[in-house]
PDB file of N, CA and C in Angstrom:
ATOM      1  N   UNK A   1      37.630-138.672  96.074  1.00  0.00           N
ATOM      2  CA  UNK A   1      38.445-138.577  94.883  1.00  0.00           C
ATOM      3  C   UNK A   1      37.605-138.202  93.671  1.00  0.00           C
ATOM      4  N   UNK A   2      36.425-138.835  93.539  1.00  0.00           N
ATOM      5  CA  UNK A   2      35.551-138.521  92.414  1.00  0.00           C
ATOM      6  C   UNK A   2      35.076-137.074  92.455  1.00  0.00           C
ATOM      7  N   UNK A   3      34.814-136.585  93.650  1.00  0.00           N
ATOM      8  CA  UNK A   3      34.377-135.204  93.795  1.00  0.00           C
ATOM      9  C   UNK A   3      35.492-134.243  93.363  1.00  0.00           C
ATOM     10  N   UNK A   4      36.716-134.575  93.702  1.00  0.00           N
ATOM     11  CA  UNK A   4      37.861-133.756  93.302  1.00  0.00           C
ATOM     12  C   UNK A   4      37.968-133.702  91.781  1.00  0.00           C
ATOM     13  N   UNK A   5      37.844-134.848  91.122  1.00  0.00           N
ATOM     14  CA  UNK A   5      37.946-134.892  89.667  1.00  0.00           C
ATOM     15  C   UNK A   5      36.803-134.129  89.002  1.00  0.00           C
ATOM     16  N   UNK A   6      35.605-134.216  89.551  1.00  0.00           N
ATOM     17  CA  UNK A   6      34.473-133.471  89.013  1.00  0.00           C
ATOM     18  C   UNK A   6      34.716-131.971  89.120  1.00  0.00           C
ATOM     19  N   UNK A   7      35.226-131.525  90.262  1.00  0.00           N
ATOM     20  CA  UNK A   7      35.523-130.108  90.444  1.00  0.00           C
ATOM     21  C   UNK A   7      36.623-129.651  89.490  1.00  0.00           C
ATOM     22  N   UNK A   8      37.619-130.500  89.284  1.00  0.00           N
ATOM     23  CA  UNK A   8      38.720-130.156  88.379  1.00  0.00           C
ATOM     24  C   UNK A   8      38.209-130.017  86.941  1.00  0.00           C
ATOM     25  N   UNK A   9      37.376-130.942  86.505  1.00  0.00           N
ATOM     26  CA  UNK A   9      36.810-130.880  85.142  1.00  0.00           C
ATOM     27  C   UNK A   9      35.950-129.637  84.979  1.00  0.00           C
ATOM     28  N   UNK A  10      35.167-129.315  85.995  1.00  0.00           N
ATOM     29  CA  UNK A  10      34.310-128.139  85.930  1.00  0.00           C
ATOM     30  C   UNK A  10      35.147-126.866  85.843  1.00  0.00           C
ATOM     31  N   UNK A  11      36.213-126.800  86.615  1.00  0.00           N
ATOM     32  CA  UNK A  11      37.091-125.636  86.592  1.00  0.00           C
ATOM     33  C   UNK A  11      37.782-125.514  85.237  1.00  0.00           C
ATOM     34  N   UNK A  12      38.254-126.619  84.687  1.00  0.00           N
ATOM     35  CA  UNK A  12      38.919-126.586  83.388  1.00  0.00           C
ATOM     36  C   UNK A  12      37.962-126.160  82.288  1.00  0.00           C
ATOM     37  N   UNK A  13      36.719-126.599  82.348  1.00  0.00           N
ATOM     38  CA  UNK A  13      35.760-126.254  81.298  1.00  0.00           C
ATOM     39  C   UNK A  13      35.397-124.778  81.333  1.00  0.00           C
ATOM     40  N   UNK A  14      35.468-124.166  82.499  1.00  0.00           N
ATOM     41  CA  UNK A  14      35.169-122.733  82.588  1.00  0.00           C
ATOM     42  C   UNK A  14      36.238-121.891  81.931  1.00  0.00           C
ATOM     43  N   UNK A  15      37.458-122.394  81.866  1.00  0.00           N
ATOM     44  CA  UNK A  15      38.557-121.619  81.318  1.00  0.00           C
ATOM     45  C   UNK A  15      38.885-121.973  79.880  1.00  0.00           C
ATOM     46  N   UNK A  16      38.090-122.817  79.258  1.00  0.00           N
ATOM     47  CA  UNK A  16      38.272-123.133  77.852  1.00  0.00           C
ATOM     48  C   UNK A  16      37.762-121.946  77.035  1.00  0.00           C
ATOM     49  N   UNK A  17      38.473-121.578  75.968  1.00  0.00           N
ATOM     50  CA  UNK A  17      37.986-120.458  75.152  1.00  0.00           C
ATOM     51  C   UNK A  17      36.695-120.848  74.439  1.00  0.00           C
ATOM     52  N   UNK A  18      35.795-119.887  74.324  1.00  0.00           N
ATOM     53  CA  UNK A  18      34.536-120.166  73.648  1.00  0.00           C
ATOM     54  C   UNK A  18      34.563-119.645  72.215  1.00  0.00           C
ATOM     55  N   UNK A  19      35.755-119.380  71.702  1.00  0.00           N
ATOM     56  CA  UNK A  19      35.908-118.968  70.322  1.00  0.00           C
ATOM     57  C   UNK A  19      37.117-119.675  69.725  1.00  0.00           C
ATOM     58  N   UNK A  20      37.122-119.759  68.421  1.00  0.00           N
ATOM     59  CA  UNK A  20      38.170-120.482  67.715  1.00  0.00           C
ATOM     60  C   UNK A  20      39.445-119.654  67.612  1.00  0.00           C
ATOM     61  N   UNK A  21      40.560-120.340  67.459  1.00  0.00           N
ATOM     62  CA  UNK A  21      41.836-119.660  67.239  1.00  0.00           C
ATOM     63  C   UNK A  21      42.055-119.363  65.758  1.00  0.00           C
ATOM     64  N   UNK A  22      41.131-119.806  64.915  1.00  0.00           N
ATOM     65  CA  UNK A  22      41.216-119.521  63.484  1.00  0.00           C
ATOM     66  C   UNK A  22      40.908-118.050  63.243  1.00  0.00           C
ATOM     67  N   UNK A  23      41.503-117.491  62.185  1.00  0.00           N
ATOM     68  CA  UNK A  23      41.338-116.085  61.873  1.00  0.00           C
ATOM     69  C   UNK A  23      40.077-115.837  61.048  1.00  0.00           C
ATOM     70  N   UNK A  24      39.283-114.881  61.488  1.00  0.00           N
ATOM     71  CA  UNK A  24      38.072-114.504  60.768  1.00  0.00           C
ATOM     72  C   UNK A  24      38.431-113.883  59.419  1.00  0.00           C
ATOM     73  N   UNK A  25      39.491-113.080  59.394  1.00  0.00           N
ATOM     74  CA  UNK A  25      39.899-112.418  58.153  1.00  0.00           C
ATOM     75  C   UNK A  25      40.348-113.432  57.103  1.00  0.00           C
ATOM     76  N   UNK A  26      41.123-114.412  57.530  1.00  0.00           N
ATOM     77  CA  UNK A  26      41.594-115.446  56.602  1.00  0.00           C
ATOM     78  C   UNK A  26      40.404-116.247  56.089  1.00  0.00           C
ATOM     79  N   UNK A  27      39.502-116.624  56.971  1.00  0.00           N
ATOM     80  CA  UNK A  27      38.329-117.396  56.565  1.00  0.00           C
ATOM     81  C   UNK A  27      37.466-116.607  55.584  1.00  0.00           C
ATOM     82  N   UNK A  28      37.312-115.316  55.821  1.00  0.00           N
ATOM     83  CA  UNK A  28      36.492-114.488  54.945  1.00  0.00           C
ATOM     84  C   UNK A  28      37.126-114.342  53.565  1.00  0.00           C
ATOM     85  N   UNK A  29      38.430-114.107  53.515  1.00  0.00           N
ATOM     86  CA  UNK A  29      39.121-113.987  52.226  1.00  0.00           C
ATOM     87  C   UNK A  29      39.054-115.306  51.466  1.00  0.00           C
ATOM     88  N   UNK A  30      39.297-116.408  52.149  1.00  0.00           N
ATOM     89  CA  UNK A  30      39.213-117.716  51.496  1.00  0.00           C
ATOM     90  C   UNK A  30      37.802-117.990  50.982  1.00  0.00           C
ATOM     91  N   UNK A  31      36.812-117.582  51.743  1.00  0.00           N
ATOM     92  CA  UNK A  31      35.429-117.808  51.339  1.00  0.00           C
ATOM     93  C   UNK A  31      35.068-116.967  50.124  1.00  0.00           C
ATOM     94  N   UNK A  32      35.473-115.717  50.110  1.00  0.00           N
ATOM     95  CA  UNK A  32      35.153-114.849  48.985  1.00  0.00           C
ATOM     96  C   UNK A  32      35.839-115.327  47.713  1.00  0.00           C
ATOM     97  N   UNK A  33      37.126-115.673  47.819  1.00  0.00           N
ATOM     98  CA  UNK A  33      37.876-116.056  46.624  1.00  0.00           C
ATOM     99  C   UNK A  33      37.639-117.497  46.185  1.00  0.00           C
ATOM    100  N   UNK A  34      37.602-118.412  47.121  1.00  0.00           N
ATOM    101  CA  UNK A  34      37.538-119.833  46.791  1.00  0.00           C
ATOM    102  C   UNK A  34      36.386-120.557  47.485  1.00  0.00           C
ATOM    103  N   UNK A  35      35.366-119.827  47.885  1.00  0.00           N
ATOM    104  CA  UNK A  35      34.255-120.416  48.618  1.00  0.00           C
ATOM    105  C   UNK A  35      33.502-121.464  47.834  1.00  0.00           C
ATOM    106  N   UNK A  36      33.435-121.308  46.540  1.00  0.00           N
ATOM    107  CA  UNK A  36      32.731-122.286  45.709  1.00  0.00           C
ATOM    108  C   UNK A  36      33.458-123.623  45.685  1.00  0.00           C
ATOM    109  N   UNK A  37      34.736-123.634  46.109  1.00  0.00           N
ATOM    110  CA  UNK A  37      35.490-124.887  46.231  1.00  0.00           C
ATOM    111  C   UNK A  37      35.505-125.412  47.672  1.00  0.00           C
ATOM    112  N   UNK A  38      34.987-124.632  48.606  1.00  0.00           N
ATOM    113  CA  UNK A  38      34.929-125.059  49.999  1.00  0.00           C
ATOM    114  C   UNK A  38      36.229-124.902  50.763  1.00  0.00           C
ATOM    115  N   UNK A  39      37.140-124.082  50.252  1.00  0.00           N
ATOM    116  CA  UNK A  39      38.450-123.925  50.893  1.00  0.00           C
ATOM    117  C   UNK A  39      38.309-123.391  52.315  1.00  0.00           C
ATOM    118  N   UNK A  40      37.391-122.478  52.542  1.00  0.00           N
ATOM    119  CA  UNK A  40      37.199-121.926  53.894  1.00  0.00           C
ATOM    120  C   UNK A  40      36.730-123.000  54.874  1.00  0.00           C
ATOM    121  N   UNK A  41      35.971-123.967  54.389  1.00  0.00           N
ATOM    122  CA  UNK A  41      35.533-125.067  55.256  1.00  0.00           C
ATOM    123  C   UNK A  41      36.706-125.963  55.646  1.00  0.00           C
ATOM    124  N   UNK A  42      37.592-126.237  54.705  1.00  0.00           N
ATOM    125  CA  UNK A  42      38.788-127.015  55.035  1.00  0.00           C
ATOM    126  C   UNK A  42      39.655-126.250  56.034  1.00  0.00           C
ATOM    127  N   UNK A  43      39.782-124.942  55.855  1.00  0.00           N
ATOM    128  CA  UNK A  43      40.567-124.122  56.781  1.00  0.00           C
ATOM    129  C   UNK A  43      39.978-124.176  58.194  1.00  0.00           C
ATOM    130  N   UNK A  44      38.658-124.122  58.287  1.00  0.00           N
ATOM    131  CA  UNK A  44      37.989-124.106  59.588  1.00  0.00           C
ATOM    132  C   UNK A  44      37.905-125.487  60.228  1.00  0.00           C
ATOM    133  N   UNK A  45      38.226-126.526  59.486  1.00  0.00           N
ATOM    134  CA  UNK A  45      38.160-127.873  60.035  1.00  0.00           C
ATOM    135  C   UNK A  45      36.855-128.582  59.758  1.00  0.00           C
ATOM    136  N   UNK A  46      36.018-128.001  58.922  1.00  0.00           N
ATOM    137  CA  UNK A  46      34.745-128.609  58.536  1.00  0.00           C
ATOM    138  C   UNK A  46      34.943-129.382  57.227  1.00  0.00           C
ATOM    139  N   UNK A  47      35.650-130.493  57.295  1.00  0.00           N
ATOM    140  CA  UNK A  47      36.024-131.203  56.070  1.00  0.00           C
ATOM    141  C   UNK A  47      34.815-131.800  55.354  1.00  0.00           C
ATOM    142  N   UNK A  48      33.806-132.189  56.083  1.00  0.00           N
ATOM    143  CA  UNK A  48      32.597-132.721  55.459  1.00  0.00           C
ATOM    144  C   UNK A  48      31.932-131.684  54.563  1.00  0.00           C
ATOM    145  N   UNK A  49      31.779-130.485  55.099  1.00  0.00           N
ATOM    146  CA  UNK A  49      31.218-129.393  54.297  1.00  0.00           C
ATOM    147  C   UNK A  49      32.174-128.994  53.179  1.00  0.00           C
ATOM    148  N   UNK A  50      33.465-129.101  53.442  1.00  0.00           N
ATOM    149  CA  UNK A  50      34.439-128.784  52.405  1.00  0.00           C
ATOM    150  C   UNK A  50      34.267-129.661  51.183  1.00  0.00           C
ATOM    151  N   UNK A  51      34.131-130.968  51.396  1.00  0.00           N
ATOM    152  CA  UNK A  51      33.919-131.876  50.268  1.00  0.00           C
ATOM    153  C   UNK A  51      32.557-131.655  49.617  1.00  0.00           C
ATOM    154  N   UNK A  52      31.538-131.358  50.414  1.00  0.00           N
ATOM    155  CA  UNK A  52      30.216-131.069  49.856  1.00  0.00           C
ATOM    156  C   UNK A  52      30.281-129.860  48.931  1.00  0.00           C
ATOM    157  N   UNK A  53      30.927-128.786  49.384  1.00  0.00           N
ATOM    158  CA  UNK A  53      31.056-127.576  48.564  1.00  0.00           C
ATOM    159  C   UNK A  53      31.917-127.849  47.343  1.00  0.00           C
ATOM    160  N   UNK A  54      32.941-128.657  47.493  1.00  0.00           N
ATOM    161  CA  UNK A  54      33.837-128.965  46.391  1.00  0.00           C
ATOM    162  C   UNK A  54      33.093-129.658  45.249  1.00  0.00           C
ATOM    163  N   UNK A  55      32.220-130.582  45.584  1.00  0.00           N
ATOM    164  CA  UNK A  55      31.525-131.351  44.555  1.00  0.00           C
ATOM    165  C   UNK A  55      30.213-130.718  44.090  1.00  0.00           C
ATOM    166  N   UNK A  56      29.703-129.714  44.816  1.00  0.00           N
ATOM    167  CA  UNK A  56      28.447-129.062  44.415  1.00  0.00           C
ATOM    168  C   UNK A  56      28.655-127.593  44.070  1.00  0.00           C
ATOM    169  N   UNK A  57      29.919-127.189  43.898  1.00  0.00           N
ATOM    170  CA  UNK A  57      30.252-125.797  43.566  1.00  0.00           C
ATOM    171  C   UNK A  57      29.629-124.817  44.565  1.00  0.00           C
ATOM    172  N   UNK A  58      29.976-125.017  45.821  1.00  0.00           N
ATOM    173  CA  UNK A  58      29.500-124.122  46.876  1.00  0.00           C
ATOM    174  C   UNK A  58      28.028-124.281  47.163  1.00  0.00           C
ATOM    175  N   UNK A  59      27.543-125.520  47.078  1.00  0.00           N
ATOM    176  CA  UNK A  59      26.116-125.823  47.282  1.00  0.00           C
ATOM    177  C   UNK A  59      25.274-124.940  46.365  1.00  0.00           C
ATOM    178  N   UNK A  60      25.673-124.955  45.102  1.00  0.00           N
ATOM    179  CA  UNK A  60      25.004-124.192  44.032  1.00  0.00           C
ATOM    180  C   UNK A  60      25.035-122.686  44.275  1.00  0.00           C
ATOM    181  N   UNK A  61      26.019-122.228  44.993  1.00  0.00           N
ATOM    182  CA  UNK A  61      26.194-120.799  45.239  1.00  0.00           C
ATOM    183  C   UNK A  61      25.455-120.288  46.455  1.00  0.00           C
ATOM    184  N   UNK A  62      24.420-120.966  46.885  1.00  0.00           N
ATOM    185  CA  UNK A  62      23.628-120.497  48.024  1.00  0.00           C
ATOM    186  C   UNK A  62      24.422-120.626  49.323  1.00  0.00           C
ATOM    187  N   UNK A  63      25.036-121.779  49.526  1.00  0.00           N
ATOM    188  CA  UNK A  63      25.838-121.988  50.728  1.00  0.00           C
ATOM    189  C   UNK A  63      27.037-121.067  50.780  1.00  0.00           C
ATOM    190  N   UNK A  64      27.615-120.808  49.624  1.00  0.00           N
ATOM    191  CA  UNK A  64      28.773-119.917  49.528  1.00  0.00           C
ATOM    192  C   UNK A  64      28.408-118.510  50.004  1.00  0.00           C
ATOM    193  N   UNK A  65      27.317-117.962  49.493  1.00  0.00           N
ATOM    194  CA  UNK A  65      26.868-116.620  49.882  1.00  0.00           C
ATOM    195  C   UNK A  65      26.484-116.595  51.361  1.00  0.00           C
ATOM    196  N   UNK A  66      25.816-117.635  51.823  1.00  0.00           N
ATOM    197  CA  UNK A  66      25.427-117.707  53.231  1.00  0.00           C
ATOM    198  C   UNK A  66      26.664-117.732  54.131  1.00  0.00           C
ATOM    199  N   UNK A  67      27.690-118.480  53.743  1.00  0.00           N
ATOM    200  CA  UNK A  67      28.910-118.543  54.548  1.00  0.00           C
ATOM    201  C   UNK A  67      29.638-117.207  54.583  1.00  0.00           C
ATOM    202  N   UNK A  68      29.637-116.466  53.493  1.00  0.00           N
ATOM    203  CA  UNK A  68      30.243-115.127  53.495  1.00  0.00           C
ATOM    204  C   UNK A  68      29.557-114.264  54.550  1.00  0.00           C
ATOM    205  N   UNK A  69      28.239-114.309  54.574  1.00  0.00           N
ATOM    206  CA  UNK A  69      27.477-113.539  55.559  1.00  0.00           C
ATOM    207  C   UNK A  69      27.799-113.995  56.980  1.00  0.00           C
ATOM    208  N   UNK A  70      27.786-115.308  57.217  1.00  0.00           N
ATOM    209  CA  UNK A  70      28.025-115.828  58.569  1.00  0.00           C
ATOM    210  C   UNK A  70      29.428-115.493  59.070  1.00  0.00           C
ATOM    211  N   UNK A  71      30.415-115.605  58.191  1.00  0.00           N
ATOM    212  CA  UNK A  71      31.779-115.288  58.603  1.00  0.00           C
ATOM    213  C   UNK A  71      31.907-113.801  58.901  1.00  0.00           C
ATOM    214  N   UNK A  72      31.338-112.953  58.054  1.00  0.00           N
ATOM    215  CA  UNK A  72      31.421-111.503  58.254  1.00  0.00           C
ATOM    216  C   UNK A  72      30.749-111.075  59.559  1.00  0.00           C
ATOM    217  N   UNK A  73      29.666-111.727  59.919  1.00  0.00           N
ATOM    218  CA  UNK A  73      28.947-111.386  61.158  1.00  0.00           C
ATOM    219  C   UNK A  73      29.546-112.046  62.398  1.00  0.00           C
ATOM    220  N   UNK A  74      30.507-112.965  62.222  1.00  0.00           N
ATOM    221  CA  UNK A  74      31.107-113.659  63.362  1.00  0.00           C
ATOM    222  C   UNK A  74      30.256-114.791  63.890  1.00  0.00           C
ATOM    223  N   UNK A  75      29.427-115.381  63.042  1.00  0.00           N
ATOM    224  CA  UNK A  75      28.534-116.461  63.449  1.00  0.00           C
ATOM    225  C   UNK A  75      28.958-117.813  62.896  1.00  0.00           C
ATOM    226  N   UNK A  76      30.074-117.873  62.207  1.00  0.00           N
ATOM    227  CA  UNK A  76      30.548-119.107  61.575  1.00  0.00           C
ATOM    228  C   UNK A  76      31.338-119.928  62.589  1.00  0.00           C
ATOM    229  N   UNK A  77      31.124-121.235  62.604  1.00  0.00           N
ATOM    230  CA  UNK A  77      31.786-122.111  63.570  1.00  0.00           C
ATOM    231  C   UNK A  77      32.807-123.000  62.886  1.00  0.00           C
ATOM    232  N   UNK A  78      33.863-123.319  63.636  1.00  0.00           N
ATOM    233  CA  UNK A  78      34.894-124.215  63.114  1.00  0.00           C
ATOM    234  C   UNK A  78      34.494-125.672  63.350  1.00  0.00           C
ATOM    235  N   UNK A  79      35.390-126.580  63.055  1.00  0.00           N
ATOM    236  CA  UNK A  79      35.113-128.003  63.182  1.00  0.00           C
ATOM    237  C   UNK A  79      34.853-128.457  64.610  1.00  0.00           C
ATOM    238  N   UNK A  80      35.284-127.681  65.591  1.00  0.00           N
ATOM    239  CA  UNK A  80      35.067-128.022  67.004  1.00  0.00           C
ATOM    240  C   UNK A  80      33.811-127.369  67.566  1.00  0.00           C
ATOM    241  N   UNK A  81      33.121-126.622  66.747  1.00  0.00           N
ATOM    242  CA  UNK A  81      31.906-125.946  67.198  1.00  0.00           C
ATOM    243  C   UNK A  81      32.149-124.606  67.854  1.00  0.00           C
ATOM    244  N   UNK A  82      33.353-124.070  67.743  1.00  0.00           N
ATOM    245  CA  UNK A  82      33.694-122.784  68.330  1.00  0.00           C
ATOM    246  C   UNK A  82      33.535-121.686  67.290  1.00  0.00           C
ATOM    247  N   UNK A  83      33.060-120.530  67.700  1.00  0.00           N
ATOM    248  CA  UNK A  83      32.854-119.413  66.781  1.00  0.00           C
ATOM    249  C   UNK A  83      34.192-118.846  66.316  1.00  0.00           C
ATOM    250  N   UNK A  84      34.259-118.539  65.025  1.00  0.00           N
ATOM    251  CA  UNK A  84      35.422-117.843  64.466  1.00  0.00           C
ATOM    252  C   UNK A  84      35.093-116.358  64.522  1.00  0.00           C
ATOM    253  N   UNK A  85      35.626-115.668  65.525  1.00  0.00           N
ATOM    254  CA  UNK A  85      35.238-114.291  65.777  1.00  0.00           C
ATOM    255  C   UNK A  85      36.350-113.279  65.516  1.00  0.00           C
ATOM    256  N   UNK A  86      37.597-113.658  65.641  1.00  0.00           N
ATOM    257  CA  UNK A  86      38.683-112.669  65.584  1.00  0.00           C
ATOM    258  C   UNK A  86      39.661-112.957  64.484  1.00  0.00           C
TER     259      UNK A  86
END
């Protein structure tokens, strides 16, 4: 029985998407327009970073610019650790 459950978990994990269902275009627009408030982080599910950006004005602008680059290149991750690519 344990072997069956292990095989089932392994099979299910292979079919999990390795990218987020969040939109890259929406995240990029939110980051460009409201990135200094951390709105793109709230959209992506990164609420901790969202509050950090909110109270530090986009981590003094450096984090904001870095996030624009990461989102544009498809390297930005959502709250579950999945890449926002599409």
